[in-house]
Amino acid sequence: MIIIASAIAGMLTGWVRAGRRGGNTKDRLHYAAIHAIAFTILGLIVTLMIDRLD
């Protein structure tokens, strides 16, 4: 669940960040994809850490 939430948060963050920089739709999709991948990896790490602590 954390992984999905972090992926969605990453997509939204990337979309907004590209928009603030004046990017077109392709730029926004690119930023959204890259941020989603990065946030998903972070979410995976957090999930694994939580699992190991239990």
PDB file of N, CA and C in Angstrom:
ATOM      1  N   MET A   1       0.809  -1.185   0.000  1.00  0.00           N
ATOM      2  CA  MET A   1       0.000   0.000   0.000  1.00  0.00           C
ATOM      3  C   MET A   1       0.866   1.268   0.000  1.00  0.00           C
ATOM      4  N   ILE A   2       1.971   1.202   0.737  1.00  0.00           N
ATOM      5  CA  ILE A   2       2.874   2.352   0.772  1.00  0.00           C
ATOM      6  C   ILE A   2       3.486   2.580  -0.605  1.00  0.00           C
ATOM      7  N   ILE A   3       3.766   1.505  -1.310  1.00  0.00           N
ATOM      8  CA  ILE A   3       4.397   1.619  -2.627  1.00  0.00           C
ATOM      9  C   ILE A   3       3.460   2.303  -3.614  1.00  0.00           C
ATOM     10  N   ILE A   4       2.200   1.929  -3.602  1.00  0.00           N
ATOM     11  CA  ILE A   4       1.226   2.536  -4.521  1.00  0.00           C
ATOM     12  C   ILE A   4       1.031   4.006  -4.192  1.00  0.00           C
ATOM     13  N   ALA A   5       0.918   4.316  -2.901  1.00  0.00           N
ATOM     14  CA  ALA A   5       0.737   5.714  -2.492  1.00  0.00           C
ATOM     15  C   ALA A   5       1.947   6.558  -2.862  1.00  0.00           C
ATOM     16  N   SER A   6       3.133   6.008  -2.703  1.00  0.00           N
ATOM     17  CA  SER A   6       4.323   6.772  -3.054  1.00  0.00           C
ATOM     18  C   SER A   6       4.449   6.955  -4.566  1.00  0.00           C
ATOM     19  N   ALA A   7       4.016   5.981  -5.343  1.00  0.00           N
ATOM     20  CA  ALA A   7       4.044   6.124  -6.798  1.00  0.00           C
ATOM     21  C   ALA A   7       3.093   7.232  -7.255  1.00  0.00           C
ATOM     22  N   ILE A   8       1.906   7.260  -6.674  1.00  0.00           N
ATOM     23  CA  ILE A   8       0.940   8.302  -7.025  1.00  0.00           C
ATOM     24  C   ILE A   8       1.449   9.672  -6.591  1.00  0.00           C
ATOM     25  N   ALA A   9       2.014   9.749  -5.396  1.00  0.00           N
ATOM     26  CA  ALA A   9       2.573  11.015  -4.915  1.00  0.00           C
ATOM     27  C   ALA A   9       3.712  11.472  -5.816  1.00  0.00           C
ATOM     28  N   GLY A  10       4.521  10.539  -6.281  1.00  0.00           N
ATOM     29  CA  GLY A  10       5.606  10.880  -7.195  1.00  0.00           C
ATOM     30  C   GLY A  10       5.113  11.407  -8.528  1.00  0.00           C
ATOM     31  N   MET A  11       4.066  10.774  -9.053  1.00  0.00           N
ATOM     32  CA  MET A  11       3.504  11.254 -10.322  1.00  0.00           C
ATOM     33  C   MET A  11       2.971  12.673 -10.182  1.00  0.00           C
ATOM     34  N   LEU A  12       2.244  12.917  -9.111  1.00  0.00           N
ATOM     35  CA  LEU A  12       1.691  14.254  -8.900  1.00  0.00           C
ATOM     36  C   LEU A  12       2.790  15.290  -8.684  1.00  0.00           C
ATOM     37  N   THR A  13       3.811  14.916  -7.933  1.00  0.00           N
ATOM     38  CA  THR A  13       4.926  15.832  -7.690  1.00  0.00           C
ATOM     39  C   THR A  13       5.637  16.178  -8.991  1.00  0.00           C
ATOM     40  N   GLY A  14       5.910  15.180  -9.798  1.00  0.00           N
ATOM     41  CA  GLY A  14       6.578  15.413 -11.069  1.00  0.00           C
ATOM     42  C   GLY A  14       5.745  16.261 -12.021  1.00  0.00           C
ATOM     43  N   TRP A  15       4.460  15.995 -12.066  1.00  0.00           N
ATOM     44  CA  TRP A  15       3.567  16.760 -12.943  1.00  0.00           C
ATOM     45  C   TRP A  15       3.553  18.232 -12.561  1.00  0.00           C
ATOM     46  N   VAL A  16       3.425  18.493 -11.266  1.00  0.00           N
ATOM     47  CA  VAL A  16       3.377  19.876 -10.784  1.00  0.00           C
ATOM     48  C   VAL A  16       4.729  20.565 -10.972  1.00  0.00           C
ATOM     49  N   ARG A  17       5.795  19.843 -10.697  1.00  0.00           N
ATOM     50  CA  ARG A  17       7.128  20.434 -10.822  1.00  0.00           C
ATOM     51  C   ARG A  17       7.440  20.839 -12.261  1.00  0.00           C
ATOM     52  N   ALA A  18       7.079  19.995 -13.206  1.00  0.00           N
ATOM     53  CA  ALA A  18       7.297  20.335 -14.617  1.00  0.00           C
ATOM     54  C   ALA A  18       6.412  21.503 -15.033  1.00  0.00           C
ATOM     55  N   GLY A  19       5.201  21.554 -14.502  1.00  0.00           N
ATOM     56  CA  GLY A  19       4.316  22.666 -14.824  1.00  0.00           C
ATOM     57  C   GLY A  19       4.858  23.991 -14.331  1.00  0.00           C
ATOM     58  N   ARG A  20       5.455  23.991 -13.159  1.00  0.00           N
ATOM     59  CA  ARG A  20       6.033  25.223 -12.611  1.00  0.00           C
ATOM     60  C   ARG A  20       7.223  25.702 -13.433  1.00  0.00           C
ATOM     61  N   ARG A  21       7.893  24.770 -14.080  1.00  0.00           N
ATOM     62  CA  ARG A  21       9.033  25.137 -14.920  1.00  0.00           C
ATOM     63  C   ARG A  21       8.615  25.479 -16.343  1.00  0.00           C
ATOM     64  N   GLY A  22       7.322  25.468 -16.600  1.00  0.00           N
ATOM     65  CA  GLY A  22       6.831  25.843 -17.919  1.00  0.00           C
ATOM     66  C   GLY A  22       6.880  24.727 -18.949  1.00  0.00           C
ATOM     67  N   GLY A  23       6.830  23.499 -18.520  1.00  0.00           N
ATOM     68  CA  GLY A  23       6.924  22.379 -19.441  1.00  0.00           C
ATOM     69  C   GLY A  23       5.607  22.078 -20.140  1.00  0.00           C
ATOM     70  N   ASN A  24       5.721  21.505 -21.324  1.00  0.00           N
ATOM     71  CA  ASN A  24       4.525  21.089 -22.051  1.00  0.00           C
ATOM     72  C   ASN A  24       4.098  19.706 -21.561  1.00  0.00           C
ATOM     73  N   THR A  25       3.138  19.096 -22.242  1.00  0.00           N
ATOM     74  CA  THR A  25       2.591  17.814 -21.784  1.00  0.00           C
ATOM     75  C   THR A  25       3.648  16.712 -21.782  1.00  0.00           C
ATOM     76  N   LYS A  26       4.510  16.681 -22.792  1.00  0.00           N
ATOM     77  CA  LYS A  26       5.563  15.652 -22.829  1.00  0.00           C
ATOM     78  C   LYS A  26       6.537  15.822 -21.672  1.00  0.00           C
ATOM     79  N   ASP A  27       6.885  17.064 -21.367  1.00  0.00           N
ATOM     80  CA  ASP A  27       7.766  17.311 -20.235  1.00  0.00           C
ATOM     81  C   ASP A  27       7.107  16.874 -18.929  1.00  0.00           C
ATOM     82  N   ARG A  28       5.831  17.178 -18.780  1.00  0.00           N
ATOM     83  CA  ARG A  28       5.112  16.805 -17.567  1.00  0.00           C
ATOM     84  C   ARG A  28       5.031  15.284 -17.416  1.00  0.00           C
ATOM     85  N   LEU A  29       4.781  14.574 -18.505  1.00  0.00           N
ATOM     86  CA  LEU A  29       4.729  13.114 -18.449  1.00  0.00           C
ATOM     87  C   LEU A  29       6.099  12.530 -18.104  1.00  0.00           C
ATOM     88  N   HIS A  30       7.141  13.110 -18.657  1.00  0.00           N
ATOM     89  CA  HIS A  30       8.494  12.647 -18.380  1.00  0.00           C
ATOM     90  C   HIS A  30       8.832  12.847 -16.903  1.00  0.00           C
ATOM     91  N   TYR A  31       8.603  14.039 -16.391  1.00  0.00           N
ATOM     92  CA  TYR A  31       8.855  14.309 -14.974  1.00  0.00           C
ATOM     93  C   TYR A  31       8.003  13.405 -14.083  1.00  0.00           C
ATOM     94  N   ALA A  32       6.744  13.208 -14.459  1.00  0.00           N
ATOM     95  CA  ALA A  32       5.862  12.357 -13.662  1.00  0.00           C
ATOM     96  C   ALA A  32       6.385  10.926 -13.611  1.00  0.00           C
ATOM     97  N   ALA A  33       6.861  10.417 -14.729  1.00  0.00           N
ATOM     98  CA  ALA A  33       7.373   9.047 -14.769  1.00  0.00           C
ATOM     99  C   ALA A  33       8.631   8.895 -13.923  1.00  0.00           C
ATOM    100  N   ILE A  34       9.547   9.828 -14.055  1.00  0.00           N
ATOM    101  CA  ILE A  34      10.801   9.747 -13.311  1.00  0.00           C
ATOM    102  C   ILE A  34      10.554   9.880 -11.813  1.00  0.00           C
ATOM    103  N   HIS A  35       9.706  10.812 -11.428  1.00  0.00           N
ATOM    104  CA  HIS A  35       9.397  10.975 -10.005  1.00  0.00           C
ATOM    105  C   HIS A  35       8.642   9.759  -9.462  1.00  0.00           C
ATOM    106  N   ALA A  36       7.766   9.189 -10.257  1.00  0.00           N
ATOM    107  CA  ALA A  36       7.035   8.001  -9.808  1.00  0.00           C
ATOM    108  C   ALA A  36       8.000   6.841  -9.559  1.00  0.00           C
ATOM    109  N   ILE A  37       8.967   6.665 -10.435  1.00  0.00           N
ATOM    110  CA  ILE A  37       9.946   5.601 -10.255  1.00  0.00           C
ATOM    111  C   ILE A  37      10.768   5.833  -8.988  1.00  0.00           C
ATOM    112  N   ALA A  38      11.234   7.067  -8.807  1.00  0.00           N
ATOM    113  CA  ALA A  38      12.055   7.376  -7.635  1.00  0.00           C
ATOM    114  C   ALA A  38      11.268   7.205  -6.338  1.00  0.00           C
ATOM    115  N   PHE A  39      10.034   7.713  -6.306  1.00  0.00           N
ATOM    116  CA  PHE A  39       9.216   7.603  -5.100  1.00  0.00           C
ATOM    117  C   PHE A  39       8.836   6.152  -4.835  1.00  0.00           C
ATOM    118  N   THR A  40       8.633   5.373  -5.885  1.00  0.00           N
ATOM    119  CA  THR A  40       8.297   3.959  -5.710  1.00  0.00           C
ATOM    120  C   THR A  40       9.460   3.199  -5.080  1.00  0.00           C
ATOM    121  N   ILE A  41      10.675   3.504  -5.514  1.00  0.00           N
ATOM    122  CA  ILE A  41      11.847   2.865  -4.915  1.00  0.00           C
ATOM    123  C   ILE A  41      11.963   3.242  -3.443  1.00  0.00           C
ATOM    124  N   LEU A  42      11.736   4.519  -3.134  1.00  0.00           N
ATOM    125  CA  LEU A  42      11.763   4.939  -1.736  1.00  0.00           C
ATOM    126  C   LEU A  42      10.666   4.251  -0.926  1.00  0.00           C
ATOM    127  N   GLY A  43       9.488   4.126  -1.513  1.00  0.00           N
ATOM    128  CA  GLY A  43       8.391   3.433  -0.844  1.00  0.00           C
ATOM    129  C   GLY A  43       8.705   1.966  -0.603  1.00  0.00           C
ATOM    130  N   LEU A  44       9.385   1.344  -1.538  1.00  0.00           N
ATOM    131  CA  LEU A  44       9.799  -0.049  -1.378  1.00  0.00           C
ATOM    132  C   LEU A  44      10.788  -0.190  -0.229  1.00  0.00           C
ATOM    133  N   ILE A  45      11.734   0.724  -0.158  1.00  0.00           N
ATOM    134  CA  ILE A  45      12.715   0.686   0.923  1.00  0.00           C
ATOM    135  C   ILE A  45      12.036   0.871   2.274  1.00  0.00           C
ATOM    136  N   VAL A  46      11.109   1.820   2.354  1.00  0.00           N
ATOM    137  CA  VAL A  46      10.385   2.043   3.612  1.00  0.00           C
ATOM    138  C   VAL A  46       9.575   0.807   3.987  1.00  0.00           C
ATOM    139  N   THR A  47       8.924   0.204   3.010  1.00  0.00           N
ATOM    140  CA  THR A  47       8.136  -0.999   3.272  1.00  0.00           C
ATOM    141  C   THR A  47       9.019  -2.137   3.783  1.00  0.00           C
ATOM    142  N   LEU A  48      10.171  -2.321   3.186  1.00  0.00           N
ATOM    143  CA  LEU A  48      11.090  -3.365   3.635  1.00  0.00           C
ATOM    144  C   LEU A  48      11.610  -3.087   5.041  1.00  0.00           C
ATOM    145  N   MET A  49      11.886  -1.828   5.343  1.00  0.00           N
ATOM    146  CA  MET A  49      12.348  -1.483   6.688  1.00  0.00           C
ATOM    147  C   MET A  49      11.270  -1.759   7.731  1.00  0.00           C
ATOM    148  N   ILE A  50      10.033  -1.416   7.405  1.00  0.00           N
ATOM    149  CA  ILE A  50       8.937  -1.671   8.328  1.00  0.00           C
ATOM    150  C   ILE A  50       8.752  -3.171   8.524  1.00  0.00           C
ATOM    151  N   ASP A  51       8.860  -3.933   7.445  1.00  0.00           N
ATOM    152  CA  ASP A  51       8.699  -5.378   7.527  1.00  0.00           C
ATOM    153  C   ASP A  51       9.802  -6.020   8.370  1.00  0.00           C
ATOM    154  N   ARG A  52      11.014  -5.518   8.241  1.00  0.00           N
ATOM    155  CA  ARG A  52      12.134  -6.078   8.997  1.00  0.00           C
ATOM    156  C   ARG A  52      12.037  -5.769  10.484  1.00  0.00           C
ATOM    157  N   LEU A  53      11.415  -4.643  10.839  1.00  0.00           N
ATOM    158  CA  LEU A  53      11.293  -4.277  12.245  1.00  0.00           C
ATOM    159  C   LEU A  53      10.269  -5.116  12.997  1.00  0.00           C
ATOM    160  N   ASP A  54       9.332  -5.678  12.292  1.00  0.00           N
ATOM    161  CA  ASP A  54       8.288  -6.480  12.952  1.00  0.00           C
ATOM    162  C   ASP A  54       8.731  -7.872  13.272  1.00  0.00           C
TER     163      ASP A  54
END
